[in-house]
């Protein structure tokens, strides 16, 4: 299983939270991380 750095995790949390709240599918595509992984 691939592990992501704390910087990547913080970026994803920031992008998924208000006020930005970006589309999860778009974040997944841009970062190359599966959608299910982002929801975990």
N, C-alpha and C. Protein backbone atom coordinates (compact mmCIF):
# COMPACT_ATOMS: atom_id res chain seq x y z
N UNK A 1 0.84 -1.18 0.00
CA UNK A 1 0.00 0.00 0.00
C UNK A 1 0.89 1.24 0.00
N UNK A 2 0.52 2.20 -0.83
CA UNK A 2 1.30 3.43 -0.95
C UNK A 2 0.99 4.36 0.22
N UNK A 3 2.02 4.99 0.74
CA UNK A 3 1.84 5.96 1.83
C UNK A 3 2.11 7.36 1.29
N UNK A 4 1.32 8.29 1.75
CA UNK A 4 1.43 9.68 1.29
C UNK A 4 1.98 10.55 2.41
N UNK A 5 2.78 11.53 2.01
CA UNK A 5 3.39 12.41 3.00
C UNK A 5 2.33 13.27 3.68
N UNK A 6 2.69 13.80 4.81
CA UNK A 6 1.77 14.67 5.55
C UNK A 6 1.43 15.90 4.73
N UNK A 7 2.35 16.37 3.90
CA UNK A 7 2.08 17.53 3.05
C UNK A 7 0.98 17.23 2.03
N UNK A 8 1.02 16.05 1.44
CA UNK A 8 -0.01 15.65 0.48
C UNK A 8 -1.34 15.51 1.19
N UNK A 9 -1.33 14.88 2.35
CA UNK A 9 -2.57 14.70 3.13
C UNK A 9 -3.19 16.05 3.49
N UNK A 10 -2.35 16.99 3.92
CA UNK A 10 -2.85 18.32 4.29
C UNK A 10 -3.44 19.04 3.08
N UNK A 11 -2.79 18.89 1.93
CA UNK A 11 -3.29 19.52 0.70
C UNK A 11 -4.65 18.95 0.33
N UNK A 12 -4.81 17.64 0.41
CA UNK A 12 -6.08 17.00 0.07
C UNK A 12 -7.17 17.45 1.05
N UNK A 13 -6.87 17.47 2.35
CA UNK A 13 -7.86 17.92 3.33
C UNK A 13 -8.29 19.36 3.06
N UNK A 14 -7.32 20.21 2.74
CA UNK A 14 -7.61 21.62 2.45
C UNK A 14 -8.52 21.74 1.22
N UNK A 15 -8.24 20.95 0.19
CA UNK A 15 -9.01 21.03 -1.04
C UNK A 15 -10.42 20.44 -0.90
N UNK A 16 -10.59 19.50 0.04
CA UNK A 16 -11.90 18.86 0.22
C UNK A 16 -12.78 19.61 1.22
N UNK A 17 -12.21 20.56 1.94
CA UNK A 17 -12.94 21.28 2.99
C UNK A 17 -13.41 22.64 2.50
N UNK A 18 -14.46 23.17 3.13
CA UNK A 18 -14.90 24.52 2.79
C UNK A 18 -13.80 25.52 3.11
N UNK A 19 -13.67 26.61 2.47
CA UNK A 19 -14.53 27.13 1.41
C UNK A 19 -14.20 26.60 0.02
N UNK A 20 -13.07 25.91 -0.15
CA UNK A 20 -12.70 25.43 -1.49
C UNK A 20 -13.61 24.31 -1.98
N UNK A 21 -13.78 23.29 -1.17
CA UNK A 21 -14.59 22.11 -1.45
C UNK A 21 -14.60 21.73 -2.93
N UNK A 22 -13.46 21.26 -3.41
CA UNK A 22 -13.33 20.83 -4.80
C UNK A 22 -13.93 19.44 -5.00
N UNK A 23 -14.24 19.14 -6.23
CA UNK A 23 -14.79 17.85 -6.61
C UNK A 23 -13.77 16.76 -6.34
N UNK A 24 -14.16 15.71 -5.61
CA UNK A 24 -13.24 14.63 -5.23
C UNK A 24 -12.71 13.91 -6.46
N UNK A 25 -13.55 13.71 -7.45
CA UNK A 25 -13.10 13.05 -8.68
C UNK A 25 -12.00 13.86 -9.37
N UNK A 26 -12.13 15.16 -9.32
CA UNK A 26 -11.13 16.02 -9.95
C UNK A 26 -9.80 15.97 -9.18
N UNK A 27 -9.88 16.01 -7.85
CA UNK A 27 -8.67 15.91 -7.02
C UNK A 27 -7.98 14.57 -7.31
N UNK A 28 -8.77 13.51 -7.37
CA UNK A 28 -8.25 12.18 -7.64
C UNK A 28 -7.50 12.14 -8.96
N UNK A 29 -8.10 12.71 -9.98
CA UNK A 29 -7.48 12.73 -11.30
C UNK A 29 -6.19 13.53 -11.30
N UNK A 30 -6.21 14.69 -10.67
CA UNK A 30 -5.03 15.56 -10.66
C UNK A 30 -3.86 14.95 -9.90
N UNK A 31 -4.15 14.28 -8.78
CA UNK A 31 -3.08 13.75 -7.93
C UNK A 31 -2.75 12.28 -8.21
N UNK A 32 -3.62 11.61 -8.97
CA UNK A 32 -3.38 10.20 -9.26
C UNK A 32 -3.64 9.31 -8.06
N UNK A 33 -4.56 9.72 -7.21
CA UNK A 33 -4.93 8.94 -6.01
C UNK A 33 -6.37 8.47 -6.20
N UNK A 34 -6.62 7.18 -5.98
CA UNK A 34 -7.96 6.63 -6.17
C UNK A 34 -8.96 7.34 -5.29
N UNK A 35 -10.18 7.50 -5.80
CA UNK A 35 -11.25 8.21 -5.10
C UNK A 35 -11.52 7.58 -3.71
N UNK A 36 -11.56 6.26 -3.65
CA UNK A 36 -11.82 5.58 -2.37
C UNK A 36 -10.75 5.90 -1.35
N UNK A 37 -9.51 6.04 -1.79
CA UNK A 37 -8.41 6.40 -0.89
C UNK A 37 -8.62 7.80 -0.34
N UNK A 38 -9.08 8.71 -1.16
CA UNK A 38 -9.32 10.08 -0.71
C UNK A 38 -10.41 10.14 0.35
N UNK A 39 -11.43 9.32 0.22
CA UNK A 39 -12.51 9.32 1.20
C UNK A 39 -12.08 8.73 2.53
N UNK A 40 -11.08 7.84 2.51
CA UNK A 40 -10.58 7.26 3.77
C UNK A 40 -9.83 8.31 4.52
